Amino acid sequence: MTEKKKVDRIYIDKKDLADFIRLKEKDSPFANSQNKDIFLAAMVVGYHEGGRIELRNKEGYFRTEYLTDEERALIRAIAVATERNLNVVLDEQRVYSIAEEYATGGISILKAKVFSGEYGSYAKKLESDLLHTFQKIAESQPKPQTFEEVVDLQVSDLIEKGESDLIEFKSSLVWDYKKKQPNKLMGIIVARTISSFMNSEGGILLIGVGNQKNVLGLDNDLAQLDGSEDNFELHLTNVINNHLGKIVRALISLRFDQVNGKKVAIISVKKSSRPIYLKHEGKTEFFIRSGNSCQPLDVSEATDYIKDHWPDLR
């Protein structure tokens, strides 16, 4: 799967900028508040009042790095309550776009509530209603599967399930279908996926299967490796050793199976007890699973993630 661009800025509509500025003046309860505080209040009001308006003329208002974990959770709750599905949180751009549209729909209402003196009690009820809605949706969702529950599934069942936080498909290890020739980048892409599984909860990587569940097989890969499954495994081991380190090979097992007469490689990847970094072209990168894709983390994000994911690591 392709990586989604990280959202680093929240936008408002330029036509509403005067209202946002007015709410920060001295006679407002939001005086001395940060831009994010007014945005979040407008978002909640817009959601509650059913006012969701597409932005036509975007103006950058604040950076997402200023949001606390609780504020991010509130934004995600709005998105989940709107889409009625927890999977929306896997699409960060969609989540923030929904928030921006509700803030656009709610800012004029918020301004009217604030300067009529109604906002205090109104805001408390809004947040309580929203969190209650989110909890009801969360309780109705099926429990996510674990690595232990999928690792022994038949390859046909894995393909049927489709890509997820625990399953990913790659067309090849060696052969570049677009360029119609071998390409070392294919191995790096495989190594990146493996590292993201190791840094998350483990997972299953199928090689020889396209993103649309189409079985491509391994003929093109094996043709570059003297037609040998042993050479395929040796090549995979070299890719792992070169980009992730020799010690992690023990976390990976490889088997082959047939689907519709075509050979598929099934790579089972266990969760690592320490962070695993991808190294290539002089760069060191850190990836995790985010839904059905690999998500790169910058230094700050990786530091926080490592503290949470491996709390006993010293």
Protein backbone atom coordinates (compact mmCIF):
# COMPACT_ATOMS: atom_id res chain seq x y z
CA MET A 1 0.00 0.00 0.00
CA THR A 2 1.15 3.55 -0.60
CA GLU A 3 1.96 5.71 2.37
CA LYS A 4 -0.41 8.54 3.15
CA LYS A 5 0.93 12.05 3.59
CA LYS A 6 1.12 13.09 7.22
CA VAL A 7 -1.18 15.95 8.23
CA ASP A 8 0.85 18.73 9.85
CA ARG A 9 -1.49 21.72 9.68
CA ILE A 10 -5.15 22.48 10.45
CA TYR A 11 -7.05 24.81 8.12
CA ILE A 12 -10.05 27.09 8.38
CA ASP A 13 -11.95 28.94 5.68
CA LYS A 14 -10.62 32.47 5.08
CA LYS A 15 -14.15 33.86 5.20
CA ASP A 16 -14.35 32.77 8.86
CA LEU A 17 -11.03 34.23 9.99
CA ALA A 18 -12.69 37.39 11.41
CA ASP A 19 -14.98 35.26 13.62
CA PHE A 20 -12.02 33.23 14.92
CA ILE A 21 -10.16 36.46 15.70
CA ARG A 22 -13.24 38.01 17.37
CA LEU A 23 -13.47 35.03 19.76
CA LYS A 24 -9.97 35.79 21.09
CA GLU A 25 -10.75 39.38 22.11
CA LYS A 26 -10.84 40.48 25.76
CA ASP A 27 -14.62 40.27 26.24
CA SER A 28 -14.69 36.63 25.13
CA PRO A 29 -14.26 33.56 27.40
CA PHE A 30 -11.66 32.46 24.82
CA ALA A 31 -9.48 35.53 25.45
CA ASN A 32 -5.83 34.40 25.70
CA SER A 33 -6.79 30.96 24.37
CA GLN A 34 -4.78 29.22 21.68
CA ASN A 35 -6.09 28.97 18.13
CA LYS A 36 -6.60 25.24 18.60
CA ASP A 37 -9.01 25.83 21.52
CA ILE A 38 -11.36 27.93 19.39
CA PHE A 39 -11.09 25.48 16.50
CA LEU A 40 -12.02 22.51 18.73
CA ALA A 41 -14.96 24.37 20.22
CA ALA A 42 -16.23 25.32 16.75
CA MET A 43 -15.77 21.72 15.61
CA VAL A 44 -17.85 20.30 18.47
CA VAL A 45 -20.59 22.88 17.92
CA GLY A 46 -20.63 22.18 14.19
CA TYR A 47 -20.94 18.45 14.82
CA HIS A 48 -23.75 18.85 17.36
CA GLU A 49 -25.70 21.24 15.18
CA GLY A 50 -25.21 19.17 12.02
CA GLY A 51 -23.31 21.97 10.33
CA ARG A 52 -20.59 20.54 8.12
CA ILE A 53 -19.34 22.86 5.38
CA GLU A 54 -16.59 22.21 2.85
CA LEU A 55 -13.69 24.70 2.95
CA ARG A 56 -13.48 26.74 -0.24
CA ASN A 57 -10.56 29.04 0.53
CA LYS A 58 -8.15 27.45 3.01
CA GLU A 59 -6.13 29.40 5.54
CA GLY A 60 -3.57 27.66 7.76
CA TYR A 61 -4.64 28.14 11.40
CA PHE A 62 -2.37 26.02 13.60
CA ARG A 63 -0.03 23.03 13.45
CA THR A 64 -1.20 19.58 14.52
CA GLU A 65 1.89 19.16 16.74
CA TYR A 66 0.21 21.54 19.24
CA LEU A 67 -2.66 19.10 19.84
CA THR A 68 -2.59 17.01 23.00
CA ASP A 69 -3.44 13.29 22.98
CA GLU A 70 -6.85 14.09 24.47
CA GLU A 71 -7.56 16.66 21.76
CA ARG A 72 -6.55 14.23 19.03
CA ALA A 73 -8.88 11.67 20.60
CA LEU A 74 -11.75 14.18 20.48
CA ILE A 75 -11.09 14.84 16.78
CA ARG A 76 -11.05 11.11 16.07
CA ALA A 77 -14.27 10.68 18.05
CA ILE A 78 -15.96 13.26 15.82
CA ALA A 79 -14.80 11.38 12.72
CA VAL A 80 -15.94 8.00 14.09
CA ALA A 81 -19.33 9.39 15.13
CA THR A 82 -19.74 10.86 11.64
CA GLU A 83 -18.68 7.79 9.64
CA ARG A 84 -20.18 5.29 12.13
CA ASN A 85 -17.07 3.16 11.69
CA LEU A 86 -13.83 2.96 13.68
CA ASN A 87 -11.81 2.33 10.52
CA VAL A 88 -11.95 6.01 9.63
CA VAL A 89 -9.22 6.67 12.21
CA LEU A 90 -6.81 4.85 9.88
CA ASP A 91 -7.11 7.73 7.39
CA GLU A 92 -5.56 10.75 9.10
CA GLN A 93 -6.32 13.13 6.23
CA ARG A 94 -9.98 12.13 6.29
CA VAL A 95 -10.18 12.55 10.08
CA TYR A 96 -8.80 16.11 10.01
CA SER A 97 -10.83 17.07 6.95
CA ILE A 98 -14.02 16.13 8.79
CA ALA A 99 -12.89 18.22 11.78
CA GLU A 100 -12.18 21.23 9.56
CA GLU A 101 -15.58 21.01 7.88
CA TYR A 102 -17.40 20.87 11.21
CA ALA A 103 -15.37 23.82 12.52
CA THR A 104 -16.36 25.77 9.40
CA GLY A 105 -20.01 24.90 10.00
CA GLY A 106 -19.84 25.69 13.71
CA ILE A 107 -17.81 28.88 14.02
CA SER A 108 -20.67 31.34 13.42
CA ILE A 109 -22.93 29.40 15.82
CA LEU A 110 -20.14 29.33 18.43
CA LYS A 111 -19.68 33.08 18.14
CA ALA A 112 -23.40 33.66 18.64
CA LYS A 113 -23.51 31.30 21.68
CA VAL A 114 -20.47 32.91 23.29
CA PHE A 115 -21.66 36.48 23.04
CA SER A 116 -25.18 35.58 24.18
CA GLY A 117 -23.78 33.96 27.34
CA GLU A 118 -25.04 30.44 26.52
CA TYR A 119 -21.78 28.70 25.78
CA GLY A 120 -20.68 27.33 29.20
CA SER A 121 -23.45 24.82 29.89
CA TYR A 122 -23.91 24.15 26.19
CA ALA A 123 -20.26 23.05 25.74
CA LYS A 124 -20.32 20.56 28.62
CA LYS A 125 -23.40 18.84 27.22
CA LEU A 126 -21.85 18.68 23.76
CA GLU A 127 -18.70 16.88 24.88
CA SER A 128 -20.66 14.45 27.07
CA ASP A 129 -23.00 13.54 24.20
CA LEU A 130 -20.09 13.07 21.80
CA LEU A 131 -18.09 10.75 24.04
CA HIS A 132 -21.21 8.69 24.75
CA THR A 133 -21.80 8.30 21.00
CA PHE A 134 -18.18 7.23 20.44
CA GLN A 135 -18.37 4.61 23.20
CA LYS A 136 -21.54 3.10 21.70
CA ILE A 137 -19.89 2.83 18.28
CA ALA A 138 -16.72 1.31 19.76
CA GLU A 139 -18.76 -1.33 21.61
CA SER A 140 -20.56 -2.31 18.40
CA GLN A 141 -17.36 -2.94 16.40
CA PRO A 142 -15.96 -6.47 16.00
CA LYS A 143 -12.92 -7.25 18.14
CA PRO A 144 -9.68 -6.91 16.10
CA GLN A 145 -7.89 -10.15 15.32
CA THR A 146 -4.48 -10.93 16.76
CA PHE A 147 -1.37 -12.27 15.06
CA GLU A 148 -1.91 -15.64 16.75
CA GLU A 149 -5.38 -15.87 15.19
CA VAL A 150 -4.24 -15.28 11.60
CA VAL A 151 -0.78 -16.88 11.48
CA ASP A 152 -2.10 -20.41 10.79
CA LEU A 153 -4.80 -19.45 8.29
CA GLN A 154 -4.74 -20.93 4.80
CA VAL A 155 -3.31 -18.58 2.17
CA SER A 156 -6.69 -18.42 0.40
CA ASP A 157 -8.30 -17.25 3.66
CA LEU A 158 -5.61 -14.61 4.13
CA ILE A 159 -6.23 -13.28 0.63
CA GLU A 160 -9.98 -13.28 1.19
CA LYS A 161 -9.57 -11.22 4.39
CA GLY A 162 -7.64 -8.57 2.47
CA GLU A 163 -4.96 -6.18 3.66
CA SER A 164 -5.16 -4.98 7.26
CA ASP A 165 -2.96 -4.10 10.21
CA LEU A 166 -1.90 -7.79 10.26
CA ILE A 167 -1.91 -8.73 6.56
CA GLU A 168 -0.20 -7.17 3.56
CA PHE A 169 0.21 -8.17 -0.08
CA LYS A 170 3.25 -7.52 -2.28
CA SER A 171 3.53 -8.43 -5.93
CA SER A 172 7.17 -9.49 -5.78
CA LEU A 173 10.50 -9.60 -4.00
CA VAL A 174 12.73 -9.11 -7.05
CA TRP A 175 10.69 -8.35 -10.16
CA ASP A 176 9.43 -4.82 -10.90
CA TYR A 177 6.15 -5.22 -12.79
CA LYS A 178 6.11 -1.57 -13.90
CA LYS A 179 9.65 -1.53 -15.28
CA LYS A 180 9.47 -5.18 -16.36
CA GLN A 181 12.89 -5.93 -14.93
CA PRO A 182 14.55 -6.84 -11.61
CA ASN A 183 14.74 -3.93 -9.17
CA LYS A 184 16.44 -3.78 -5.75
CA LEU A 185 13.70 -1.39 -4.60
CA MET A 186 11.29 -4.35 -4.43
CA GLY A 187 13.42 -5.89 -1.67
CA ILE A 188 13.55 -2.61 0.23
CA ILE A 189 9.75 -2.35 0.08
CA VAL A 190 9.46 -5.87 1.47
CA ALA A 191 11.96 -5.05 4.24
CA ARG A 192 9.98 -1.92 5.13
CA THR A 193 6.77 -3.94 5.51
CA ILE A 194 8.55 -6.55 7.64
CA SER A 195 10.00 -3.85 9.92
CA SER A 196 6.55 -2.26 10.35
CA PHE A 197 5.12 -5.61 11.47
CA MET A 198 8.01 -6.14 13.89
CA ASN A 199 7.48 -2.68 15.37
CA SER A 200 3.75 -3.29 15.80
CA GLU A 201 1.96 -6.55 16.62
CA GLY A 202 3.47 -8.83 14.01
CA GLY A 203 1.82 -9.82 10.74
CA ILE A 204 1.67 -11.88 7.56
CA LEU A 205 3.21 -10.73 4.28
CA LEU A 206 2.11 -12.50 1.10
CA ILE A 207 4.46 -12.14 -1.87
CA GLY A 208 2.96 -12.89 -5.26
CA VAL A 209 -0.38 -11.20 -4.55
CA GLY A 210 -1.47 -7.76 -5.80
CA ASN A 211 -3.27 -5.07 -3.82
CA GLN A 212 -6.61 -6.04 -5.36
CA LYS A 213 -6.28 -9.66 -4.13
CA ASN A 214 -5.15 -10.75 -7.61
CA VAL A 215 -2.77 -13.71 -7.43
CA LEU A 216 0.30 -12.99 -9.57
CA GLY A 217 2.47 -15.88 -8.45
CA LEU A 218 6.26 -16.00 -8.12
CA ASP A 219 7.27 -17.05 -11.65
CA ASN A 220 8.96 -13.72 -12.44
CA ASP A 221 10.84 -13.68 -9.13
CA LEU A 222 11.93 -17.31 -9.40
CA ALA A 223 13.09 -16.77 -12.98
CA GLN A 224 15.70 -14.35 -11.58
CA LEU A 225 16.71 -16.89 -8.92
CA ASP A 226 17.31 -20.00 -11.04
CA GLY A 227 13.76 -21.20 -10.33
CA SER A 228 14.72 -22.21 -6.79
CA GLU A 229 12.66 -21.72 -3.63
CA ASP A 230 15.92 -22.06 -1.68
CA ASN A 231 17.39 -19.16 -3.64
CA PHE A 232 14.24 -17.16 -2.98
CA GLU A 233 14.69 -17.71 0.75
CA LEU A 234 18.40 -16.89 0.54
CA HIS A 235 17.61 -13.66 -1.30
CA LEU A 236 15.00 -12.76 1.32
CA THR A 237 17.53 -13.44 4.08
CA ASN A 238 20.09 -11.19 2.37
CA VAL A 239 17.51 -8.41 2.05
CA ILE A 240 16.69 -8.68 5.76
CA ASN A 241 20.34 -8.85 6.81
CA ASN A 242 21.27 -5.82 4.69
CA HIS A 243 18.36 -3.56 5.66
CA LEU A 244 17.17 -4.72 9.10
CA GLY A 245 20.08 -6.62 10.62
CA LYS A 246 20.95 -10.30 10.94
CA ILE A 247 19.51 -10.72 14.43
CA VAL A 248 15.90 -10.19 13.31
CA ARG A 249 15.90 -13.13 10.86
CA ALA A 250 14.86 -15.37 13.75
CA LEU A 251 11.53 -13.51 13.94
CA ILE A 252 10.60 -14.51 10.40
CA SER A 253 9.41 -17.78 8.93
CA LEU A 254 8.80 -18.51 5.25
CA ARG A 255 6.63 -21.09 3.53
CA PHE A 256 5.20 -21.52 0.05
CA ASP A 257 1.71 -22.48 -1.07
CA GLN A 258 -0.33 -22.72 -4.26
CA VAL A 259 -3.37 -20.60 -5.11
CA ASN A 260 -5.15 -21.27 -8.41
CA GLY A 261 -2.05 -23.06 -9.66
CA LYS A 262 0.25 -20.13 -8.79
CA LYS A 263 2.94 -20.16 -6.13
CA VAL A 264 2.75 -17.62 -3.27
CA ALA A 265 5.27 -16.91 -0.50
CA ILE A 266 3.85 -16.56 3.00
CA ILE A 267 6.13 -14.66 5.39
CA SER A 268 5.11 -14.74 9.06
CA VAL A 269 6.64 -11.91 11.09
CA LYS A 270 6.66 -11.88 14.88
CA LYS A 271 6.57 -8.74 17.00
CA SER A 272 10.06 -7.61 18.03
CA SER A 273 11.14 -7.06 21.63
CA ARG A 274 13.04 -3.95 20.56
CA PRO A 275 12.73 -1.26 17.87
CA ILE A 276 13.72 -2.30 14.35
CA TYR A 277 15.08 0.32 11.96
CA LEU A 278 15.22 0.16 8.16
CA LYS A 279 18.58 1.15 6.70
CA HIS A 280 19.15 1.97 3.05
CA GLU A 281 21.08 4.51 0.99
CA GLY A 282 22.69 5.93 4.13
CA LYS A 283 19.33 6.63 5.78
CA THR A 284 17.77 5.09 8.88
CA GLU A 285 13.97 5.00 9.08
CA PHE A 286 11.39 3.72 11.57
CA PHE A 287 8.06 2.27 10.40
CA ILE A 288 4.92 1.01 12.14
CA ARG A 289 1.63 -0.41 10.90
CA SER A 290 -1.20 2.06 10.51
CA GLY A 291 -4.24 0.17 9.31
CA ASN A 292 -3.30 -1.55 6.05
CA SER A 293 -0.18 0.50 5.35
CA CYS A 294 3.32 1.25 6.63
CA GLN A 295 3.60 4.58 8.42
CA PRO A 296 7.00 6.28 8.83
CA LEU A 297 7.60 8.12 12.11
CA ASP A 298 9.94 11.06 12.52
CA VAL A 299 12.46 11.19 15.37
CA SER A 300 10.08 12.77 17.88
CA GLU A 301 7.19 10.46 17.01
CA ALA A 302 9.42 7.39 17.08
CA THR A 303 10.78 8.34 20.50
CA ASP A 304 7.27 8.62 21.96
CA TYR A 305 6.11 5.43 20.23
CA ILE A 306 9.08 3.44 21.52
CA LYS A 307 8.45 4.61 25.09
CA ASP A 308 4.82 3.47 24.86
CA HIS A 309 5.38 0.25 22.87
CA TRP A 310 8.42 -1.01 24.79
CA PRO A 311 8.04 0.56 28.26
CA ASP A 312 10.60 -1.81 29.80
CA LEU A 313 13.27 -1.12 27.19
CA ARG A 314 16.45 0.37 28.61
